[in-house]
Structure formats: C-alpha cells, structure tokens
C-alpha atoms as a PDB file:
ATOM      1  CA  MET A   1       6.715  16.088  21.294  1.00  0.00           C
ATOM      2  CA  ALA A   2       3.433  16.319  23.203  1.00  0.00           C
ATOM      3  CA  GLY A   3       1.321  13.185  22.972  1.00  0.00           C
ATOM      4  CA  TYR A   4       4.242  10.730  22.805  1.00  0.00           C
ATOM      5  CA  VAL A   5       4.669   8.989  26.143  1.00  0.00           C
ATOM      6  CA  GLN A   6       7.332   6.488  27.213  1.00  0.00           C
ATOM      7  CA  ASP A   7       5.506   4.540  29.919  1.00  0.00           C
ATOM      8  CA  ASP A   8       7.550   1.318  30.056  1.00  0.00           C
ATOM      9  CA  ILE A   9       4.679  -0.883  31.215  1.00  0.00           C
ATOM     10  CA  THR A  10       5.485  -4.568  31.531  1.00  0.00           C
ATOM     11  CA  PRO A  11       4.339  -7.086  28.913  1.00  0.00           C
ATOM     12  CA  GLU A  12       1.951  -8.498  31.524  1.00  0.00           C
ATOM     13  CA  GLU A  13       0.404  -5.068  32.123  1.00  0.00           C
ATOM     14  CA  LEU A  14       0.123  -4.494  28.397  1.00  0.00           C
ATOM     15  CA  ALA A  15      -1.652  -7.815  27.896  1.00  0.00           C
ATOM     16  CA  GLN A  16      -4.007  -7.079  30.789  1.00  0.00           C
ATOM     17  CA  GLN A  17      -4.945  -3.674  29.355  1.00  0.00           C
ATOM     18  CA  ALA A  18      -5.472  -5.107  25.870  1.00  0.00           C
ATOM     19  CA  ASP A  19      -7.683  -7.901  27.223  1.00  0.00           C
ATOM     20  CA  LEU A  20      -9.721  -5.346  29.170  1.00  0.00           C
ATOM     21  CA  TYR A  21     -10.215  -2.656  26.542  1.00  0.00           C
ATOM     22  CA  ARG A  22     -10.471  -4.706  23.327  1.00  0.00           C
ATOM     23  CA  PRO A  23     -13.880  -6.276  24.110  1.00  0.00           C
ATOM     24  CA  PHE A  24     -15.087  -3.079  25.802  1.00  0.00           C
ATOM     25  CA  THR A  25     -14.323  -1.051  22.669  1.00  0.00           C
ATOM     26  CA  GLN A  26     -15.921  -3.689  20.461  1.00  0.00           C
ATOM     27  CA  ALA A  27     -19.112  -3.401  22.506  1.00  0.00           C
ATOM     28  CA  VAL A  28     -19.182   0.351  21.846  1.00  0.00           C
ATOM     29  CA  ARG A  29     -18.422  -0.304  18.158  1.00  0.00           C
ATOM     30  CA  GLU A  30     -21.487  -2.566  18.015  1.00  0.00           C
ATOM     31  CA  LEU A  31     -23.500   0.233  19.620  1.00  0.00           C
ATOM     32  CA  VAL A  32     -22.420   2.609  16.840  1.00  0.00           C
ATOM     33  CA  ASP A  33     -23.525   0.101  14.204  1.00  0.00           C
ATOM     34  CA  VAL A  34     -26.881  -0.618  15.814  1.00  0.00           C
ATOM     35  CA  THR A  35     -27.534   3.117  16.284  1.00  0.00           C
ATOM     36  CA  ILE A  36     -27.580   3.382  12.489  1.00  0.00           C
ATOM     37  CA  ARG A  37     -29.572   0.223  11.800  1.00  0.00           C
ATOM     38  CA  THR A  38     -32.009  -0.272  14.674  1.00  0.00           C
ATOM     39  CA  THR A  39     -35.761  -0.182  14.004  1.00  0.00           C
ATOM     40  CA  VAL A  40     -37.058  -0.519  17.587  1.00  0.00           C
ATOM     41  CA  ASP A  41     -39.934   1.748  18.659  1.00  0.00           C
ATOM     42  CA  ASP A  42     -39.599   5.332  19.915  1.00  0.00           C
ATOM     43  CA  ASP A  43     -39.997   4.492  23.601  1.00  0.00           C
ATOM     44  CA  GLU A  44     -37.199   1.923  23.412  1.00  0.00           C
ATOM     45  CA  ILE A  45     -34.904   4.514  21.804  1.00  0.00           C
ATOM     46  CA  ARG A  46     -35.652   6.995  24.607  1.00  0.00           C
ATOM     47  CA  ARG A  47     -34.964   4.371  27.299  1.00  0.00           C
ATOM     48  CA  ALA A  48     -31.709   3.381  25.617  1.00  0.00           C
ATOM     49  CA  GLN A  49     -30.623   7.015  25.426  1.00  0.00           C
ATOM     50  CA  VAL A  50     -31.084   7.461  29.178  1.00  0.00           C
ATOM     51  CA  GLU A  51     -29.068   4.315  29.878  1.00  0.00           C
ATOM     52  CA  ILE A  52     -26.279   5.337  27.502  1.00  0.00           C
ATOM     53  CA  GLU A  53     -26.075   8.821  29.018  1.00  0.00           C
ATOM     54  CA  ALA A  54     -25.797   7.273  32.486  1.00  0.00           C
ATOM     55  CA  ILE A  55     -22.959   4.969  31.394  1.00  0.00           C
ATOM     56  CA  THR A  56     -21.157   7.897  29.756  1.00  0.00           C
ATOM     57  CA  ALA A  57     -21.394   9.903  32.978  1.00  0.00           C
ATOM     58  CA  ARG A  58     -19.946   6.959  34.966  1.00  0.00           C
ATOM     59  CA  LEU A  59     -16.981   6.621  32.639  1.00  0.00           C
ATOM     60  CA  ARG A  60     -16.265  10.375  32.646  1.00  0.00           C
ATOM     61  CA  ALA A  61     -15.731  10.222  36.422  1.00  0.00           C
ATOM     62  CA  SER A  62     -12.066   9.522  35.660  1.00  0.00           C
ATOM     63  CA  GLN A  63     -10.500  10.218  32.271  1.00  0.00           C
ATOM     64  CA  LEU A  64      -7.403  11.517  30.522  1.00  0.00           C
ATOM     65  CA  PRO A  65      -7.176  15.315  30.224  1.00  0.00           C
ATOM     66  CA  GLY A  66      -6.776  15.049  26.438  1.00  0.00           C
ATOM     67  CA  PRO A  67      -6.434  12.453  23.667  1.00  0.00           C
ATOM     68  CA  TYR A  68      -4.688   9.124  24.195  1.00  0.00           C
ATOM     69  CA  GLY A  69      -1.653   9.942  22.066  1.00  0.00           C
ATOM     70  CA  VAL A  70       0.980   7.288  21.326  1.00  0.00           C
ATOM     71  CA  ARG A  71       2.620   5.372  24.160  1.00  0.00           C
ATOM     72  CA  PHE A  72       5.883   3.470  23.870  1.00  0.00           C
ATOM     73  CA  GLY A  73       7.362   0.574  25.776  1.00  0.00           C
ATOM     74  CA  GLN A  74      10.883  -0.792  25.741  1.00  0.00           C
ATOM     75  CA  THR A  75      10.493  -2.312  22.275  1.00  0.00           C
ATOM     76  CA  GLY A  76       9.999   1.101  20.666  1.00  0.00           C
ATOM     77  CA  ARG A  77       6.715   0.025  19.071  1.00  0.00           C
ATOM     78  CA  GLY A  78       4.035   2.649  19.643  1.00  0.00           C
ATOM     79  CA  ARG A  79       0.581   1.940  21.041  1.00  0.00           C
ATOM     80  CA  PRO A  80      -1.684   4.361  19.155  1.00  0.00           C
ATOM     81  CA  TRP A  81      -4.771   3.053  20.907  1.00  0.00           C
ATOM     82  CA  GLY A  82      -6.744   6.206  20.181  1.00  0.00           C
ATOM     83  CA  ASN A  83      -5.932   6.105  16.457  1.00  0.00           C
ATOM     84  CA  THR A  84      -9.006   6.278  14.227  1.00  0.00           C
ATOM     85  CA  VAL A  85      -7.781   3.457  11.938  1.00  0.00           C
ATOM     86  CA  VAL A  86      -5.944   0.993  14.186  1.00  0.00           C
ATOM     87  CA  GLY A  87      -6.848   2.178  17.686  1.00  0.00           C
ATOM     88  CA  LEU A  88      -7.589  -0.660  20.076  1.00  0.00           C
ATOM     89  CA  ARG A  89      -9.545   1.770  22.274  1.00  0.00           C
ATOM     90  CA  ASN A  90     -11.238   3.718  19.479  1.00  0.00           C
ATOM     91  CA  PRO A  91     -14.685   2.420  18.469  1.00  0.00           C
ATOM     92  CA  ALA A  92     -14.544   4.633  15.362  1.00  0.00           C
ATOM     93  CA  ALA A  93     -11.660   2.457  14.098  1.00  0.00           C
ATOM     94  CA  PRO A  94     -12.650  -0.674  12.086  1.00  0.00           C
ATOM     95  CA  PRO A  95      -9.989  -1.522  13.514  1.00  0.00           C
ATOM     96  CA  LEU A  96      -7.318  -2.589  11.052  1.00  0.00           C
ATOM     97  CA  VAL A  97      -4.845  -5.208  12.240  1.00  0.00           C
ATOM     98  CA  ILE A  98      -1.857  -4.562   9.991  1.00  0.00           C
ATOM     99  CA  GLU A  99       0.480  -7.424   9.154  1.00  0.00           C
ATOM    100  CA  HIS A 100       4.156  -6.866   8.277  1.00  0.00           C
ATOM    101  CA  ASP A 101       6.460  -8.863   6.035  1.00  0.00           C
ATOM    102  CA  GLU A 102       9.090 -10.414   8.289  1.00  0.00           C
ATOM    103  CA  SER A 103      11.907  -9.447   5.920  1.00  0.00           C
ATOM    104  CA  GLY A 104      11.578  -5.804   7.001  1.00  0.00           C
ATOM    105  CA  ASN A 105      11.244  -4.538   3.424  1.00  0.00           C
ATOM    106  CA  GLY A 106       8.174  -2.464   4.269  1.00  0.00           C
ATOM    107  CA  ASP A 107       5.410  -4.633   2.756  1.00  0.00           C
ATOM    108  CA  VAL A 108       2.247  -4.470   4.889  1.00  0.00           C
ATOM    109  CA  TRP A 109      -1.337  -5.667   4.480  1.00  0.00           C
ATOM    110  CA  ALA A 110      -4.632  -5.896   6.351  1.00  0.00           C
ATOM    111  CA  ASP A 111      -7.886  -7.771   5.891  1.00  0.00           C
ATOM    112  CA  PHE A 112     -10.813  -5.949   7.467  1.00  0.00           C
ATOM    113  CA  HIS A 113     -14.560  -5.320   7.403  1.00  0.00           C
ATOM    114  CA  LEU A 114     -16.321  -1.984   6.961  1.00  0.00           C
ATOM    115  CA  GLY A 115     -19.970  -1.836   7.954  1.00  0.00           C
ATOM    116  CA  ALA A 116     -22.736   0.762   8.056  1.00  0.00           C
ATOM    117  CA  ALA A 117     -20.696   3.327  10.012  1.00  0.00           C
ATOM    118  CA  TYR A 118     -18.372   3.837   7.005  1.00  0.00           C
ATOM    119  CA  GLU A 119     -20.975   4.403   4.288  1.00  0.00           C
ATOM    120  CA  GLY A 120     -20.734   7.254   1.781  1.00  0.00           C
ATOM    121  CA  PRO A 121     -22.775   6.619  -1.356  1.00  0.00           C
ATOM    122  CA  PRO A 122     -25.407   3.947  -0.648  1.00  0.00           C
ATOM    123  CA  THR A 123     -23.753   0.541  -0.025  1.00  0.00           C
ATOM    124  CA  LEU A 124     -20.288   1.990  -0.728  1.00  0.00           C
ATOM    125  CA  VAL A 125     -17.426   3.097   1.515  1.00  0.00           C
ATOM    126  CA  HIS A 126     -17.048   6.875   1.873  1.00  0.00           C
ATOM    127  CA  GLY A 127     -14.107   8.081  -0.210  1.00  0.00           C
ATOM    128  CA  GLY A 128     -12.648   9.893   2.783  1.00  0.00           C
ATOM    129  CA  VAL A 129     -12.608   6.637   4.738  1.00  0.00           C
ATOM    130  CA  SER A 130     -10.649   4.998   1.926  1.00  0.00           C
ATOM    131  CA  ALA A 131      -8.154   7.874   2.087  1.00  0.00           C
ATOM    132  CA  LEU A 132      -7.931   7.517   5.873  1.00  0.00           C
ATOM    133  CA  ILE A 133      -7.140   3.814   5.616  1.00  0.00           C
ATOM    134  CA  LEU A 134      -4.568   4.220   2.854  1.00  0.00           C
ATOM    135  CA  ASP A 135      -2.836   7.068   4.680  1.00  0.00           C
ATOM    136  CA  GLN A 136      -2.369   4.728   7.637  1.00  0.00           C
ATOM    137  CA  MET A 137      -1.277   1.812   5.476  1.00  0.00           C
ATOM    138  CA  LEU A 138       1.333   3.792   3.544  1.00  0.00           C
ATOM    139  CA  GLY A 139       2.656   5.279   6.785  1.00  0.00           C
ATOM    140  CA  GLU A 140       2.938   1.795   8.263  1.00  0.00           C
ATOM    141  CA  ALA A 141       4.869   0.636   5.201  1.00  0.00           C
ATOM    142  CA  ALA A 142       7.320   3.518   5.517  1.00  0.00           C
ATOM    143  CA  GLY A 143       7.870   2.742   9.191  1.00  0.00           C
ATOM    144  CA  ALA A 144       8.132  -0.990   8.650  1.00  0.00           C
ATOM    145  CA  GLY A 145      10.951  -0.324   6.199  1.00  0.00           C
ATOM    146  CA  GLY A 146      12.870   1.583   8.858  1.00  0.00           C
ATOM    147  CA  LYS A 147      11.955   5.089   7.635  1.00  0.00           C
ATOM    148  CA  PRO A 148       9.129   6.317   9.894  1.00  0.00           C
ATOM    149  CA  GLY A 149       7.535   9.624   8.993  1.00  0.00           C
ATOM    150  CA  MET A 150       4.475  11.828   8.827  1.00  0.00           C
ATOM    151  CA  THR A 151       2.420  12.348   5.688  1.00  0.00           C
ATOM    152  CA  GLY A 152       3.847  15.024   3.400  1.00  0.00           C
ATOM    153  CA  THR A 153       1.590  14.358   0.420  1.00  0.00           C
ATOM    154  CA  LEU A 154      -1.049  11.736  -0.366  1.00  0.00           C
ATOM    155  CA  THR A 155      -2.540  11.211  -3.827  1.00  0.00           C
ATOM    156  CA  LEU A 156      -5.446   8.859  -4.499  1.00  0.00           C
ATOM    157  CA  ARG A 157      -7.046   7.424  -7.620  1.00  0.00           C
ATOM    158  CA  TYR A 158     -10.549   6.046  -7.227  1.00  0.00           C
ATOM    159  CA  ARG A 159     -10.832   3.232  -9.772  1.00  0.00           C
ATOM    160  CA  GLN A 160     -14.295   1.988  -8.781  1.00  0.00           C
ATOM    161  CA  GLY A 161     -16.684   2.137  -5.862  1.00  0.00           C
ATOM    162  CA  THR A 162     -15.468   0.322  -2.741  1.00  0.00           C
ATOM    163  CA  PRO A 163     -18.328  -1.835  -1.431  1.00  0.00           C
ATOM    164  CA  LEU A 164     -19.047  -2.121   2.265  1.00  0.00           C
ATOM    165  CA  GLY A 165     -18.054  -5.502   3.641  1.00  0.00           C
ATOM    166  CA  ASP A 166     -14.849  -7.540   3.612  1.00  0.00           C
ATOM    167  CA  LEU A 167     -11.856  -5.739   2.093  1.00  0.00           C
ATOM    168  CA  ARG A 168      -8.072  -5.920   1.882  1.00  0.00           C
ATOM    169  CA  ALA A 169      -5.477  -3.142   1.871  1.00  0.00           C
ATOM    170  CA  GLU A 170      -1.840  -3.497   0.851  1.00  0.00           C
ATOM    171  CA  ALA A 171       1.068  -1.036   0.894  1.00  0.00           C
ATOM    172  CA  TRP A 172       4.772  -1.050   0.147  1.00  0.00           C
ATOM    173  CA  ILE A 173       7.788   1.231  -0.133  1.00  0.00           C
ATOM    174  CA  ASP A 174       8.528   2.616  -3.583  1.00  0.00           C
ATOM    175  CA  ARG A 175      11.826   4.326  -2.666  1.00  0.00           C
ATOM    176  CA  SER A 176      13.596   6.269   0.095  1.00  0.00           C
ATOM    177  CA  GLU A 177      15.923   9.269   0.017  1.00  0.00           C
ATOM    178  CA  GLY A 178      17.281  10.646   3.281  1.00  0.00           C
ATOM    179  CA  ILE A 179      14.413  11.641   5.547  1.00  0.00           C
ATOM    180  CA  LYS A 180      11.776  11.012   2.857  1.00  0.00           C
ATOM    181  CA  THR A 181      10.060   7.760   1.909  1.00  0.00           C
ATOM    182  CA  TRP A 182       7.739   7.268  -1.056  1.00  0.00           C
ATOM    183  CA  ALA A 183       5.105   4.579  -0.504  1.00  0.00           C
ATOM    184  CA  LYS A 184       2.281   3.126  -2.573  1.00  0.00           C
ATOM    185  CA  GLY A 185      -0.765   1.022  -1.827  1.00  0.00           C
ATOM    186  CA  HIS A 186      -4.323   0.103  -2.688  1.00  0.00           C
ATOM    187  CA  ILE A 187      -7.626  -1.249  -1.407  1.00  0.00           C
ATOM    188  CA  ILE A 188      -8.988  -4.445  -2.947  1.00  0.00           C
ATOM    189  CA  GLY A 189     -12.681  -5.352  -3.071  1.00  0.00           C
ATOM    190  CA  PRO A 190     -14.473  -8.390  -4.487  1.00  0.00           C
ATOM    191  CA  LYS A 191     -13.978  -7.072  -8.053  1.00  0.00           C
ATOM    192  CA  GLY A 192     -10.355  -6.014  -7.730  1.00  0.00           C
ATOM    193  CA  VAL A 193      -8.543  -2.800  -6.858  1.00  0.00           C
ATOM    194  CA  THR A 194     -10.916   0.029  -5.949  1.00  0.00           C
ATOM    195  CA  VAL A 195      -8.569   2.798  -4.755  1.00  0.00           C
ATOM    196  CA  GLU A 196      -4.856   3.376  -5.365  1.00  0.00           C
ATOM    197  CA  ALA A 197      -2.632   5.706  -3.356  1.00  0.00           C
ATOM    198  CA  GLU A 198       0.892   7.050  -3.311  1.00  0.00           C
ATOM    199  CA  GLY A 199       2.438   9.374  -0.781  1.00  0.00           C
ATOM    200  CA  VAL A 200       5.572  10.919   0.649  1.00  0.00           C
ATOM    201  CA  PHE A 201       6.377  10.409   4.338  1.00  0.00           C
ATOM    202  CA  ILE A 202       8.860  12.682   6.073  1.00  0.00           C
ATOM    203  CA  LEU A 203      10.679  12.172   9.360  1.00  0.00           C
ATOM    204  CA  PRO A 204       9.858  15.473  11.131  1.00  0.00           C
ATOM    205  CA  ARG A 205      12.554  17.740  12.550  1.00  0.00           C
ATOM    206  CA  TRP A 206      11.458  17.247  16.168  1.00  0.00           C
ATOM    207  CA  ALA A 207      11.704  13.467  15.728  1.00  0.00           C
ATOM    208  CA  ARG A 208      15.146  13.698  14.123  1.00  0.00           C
ATOM    209  CA  GLU A 209      16.355  15.809  17.050  1.00  0.00           C
ATOM    210  CA  ALA A 210      14.823  13.441  19.621  1.00  0.00           C
ATOM    211  CA  ILE A 211      16.374  10.387  17.982  1.00  0.00           C
ATOM    212  CA  ALA A 212      19.779  12.064  17.806  1.00  0.00           C
ATOM    213  CA  ALA A 213      19.617  12.923  21.527  1.00  0.00           C
ATOM    214  CA  GLN A 214      18.369   9.573  22.813  1.00  0.00           C
ATOM    215  CA  ASP A 215      20.388   6.691  24.177  1.00  0.00           C
ATOM    216  CA  PRO A 216      21.824   4.806  21.177  1.00  0.00           C
ATOM    217  CA  GLY A 217      20.497   1.589  22.685  1.00  0.00           C
ATOM    218  CA  THR A 218      16.895   2.841  22.618  1.00  0.00           C
ATOM    219  CA  PRO A 219      14.980   1.551  19.583  1.00  0.00           C
ATOM    220  CA  THR A 220      13.744   4.122  17.083  1.00  0.00           C
ATOM    221  CA  PRO A 221       9.936   4.188  16.911  1.00  0.00           C
ATOM    222  CA  SER A 222       8.788   2.246  13.866  1.00  0.00           C
ATOM    223  CA  TYR A 223       6.364   4.971  12.806  1.00  0.00           C
ATOM    224  CA  PHE A 224       5.064   8.383  13.831  1.00  0.00           C
ATOM    225  CA  GLU A 225       1.356   9.167  13.891  1.00  0.00           C
END
C-alpha cells in the first residue's frame, strides 16, 4: 500500500530525528497560535510575512515528493509523523501523546491541550476537531487490542460544549468479530464528558493480504492510518 514504508532505521537514528523535529514542529505550532492572537502593528506583520516566506523557501529546497505517510521499523510500530492528531512533525496536530494499558486489552487515553487554533464556537473546540480526535483514539484502541483497522463508521454524540484548554480523551474496545472491531470513547472537560463516540474499525483487504504474505516473524502493525 502506497504511503507505508519499512525503513528499518536504528533506535539511535529514530531518537536523533525525534529530538530534531519535535522542537522544530513545536516552534511552528507556536507560530500558528500567535498568527491568530497577535496584535502587533501592520508594519511588523508585513516584516514577519517576508521572513516567514523566506524560511519556507529555504525548507522547500529539499522535501518529500508527497505526504509523510507511515514508516515502520523492526518493532512494527508505525511512525505517523505527518498525522494531523498525533504527528510529531505536523504543527496542525495538538499533538496527542496516547498512552496504552500495559495489559494489551485496548484501553488508551491522552491528556492534551487545545488552544486558539482549534476553536469553533467562541471559546469552544470545533465539533469536527472533537470527531478527529475521537476517530484517532478509537482507532488506537482497536490496534492496541491487536485488531488494527481503518474507520468503517464513526458515530458521535455531543453532550455539551468542549471548552478550549486542558482535556482528556479515553477509548476502549467494545467487542471484536473477525476483521471488525467495535470501539467506544469520549472526551472529558472540566465539567465531565463532552463528546461520546463509537465506531467500527475494519482490517482492509490489502492489509490482510500483506500480513498473510509477510514473514511470520515480522510483527503486525499495531494500527493502520
């Protein structure tokens, strides 16, 4: 499947890349936030625009021909660094750092902060952003339980407005049957659950064929974006 790359970089190379790109991406993330909230004068905005355009041109001197995709090492765990929810190299991502229950039962959770870049109604998180986060969380739960898949359906119930700021998301497996996994989850704000979700995640045909053809000793990816 295009976009999935087995690159087998060493743990040292992986750590070096993460240490390089994590603070770089955070700097760009701060730029996104300040673009929304700055009140400097017009001339300062024009000067900043010229500087930003120059930096962008420097970085485009060498770049990937398309999106980052998902890259895998020997452990089988994907690096979706371009992902818009968890991507280490994506400044549009909050990013979520998703924790997994060590028992392998599929329970996952994340504590995170959503600022001005995620606003829908004034002071509240955009409903589509809540859906984006819960889609990722439920998919992570399915994969953490050993049944990776892509979203087949996703249903959300908006219980109350989700305020910008510090939030928590949780997800878990409801049940599994063959290539399908049903997962549930929610977002929690200061006043309790704000959004609930349930979805079906399906191991796609191309992934089933690839897994069947691979070396039995090669770990199955823990989720598919």
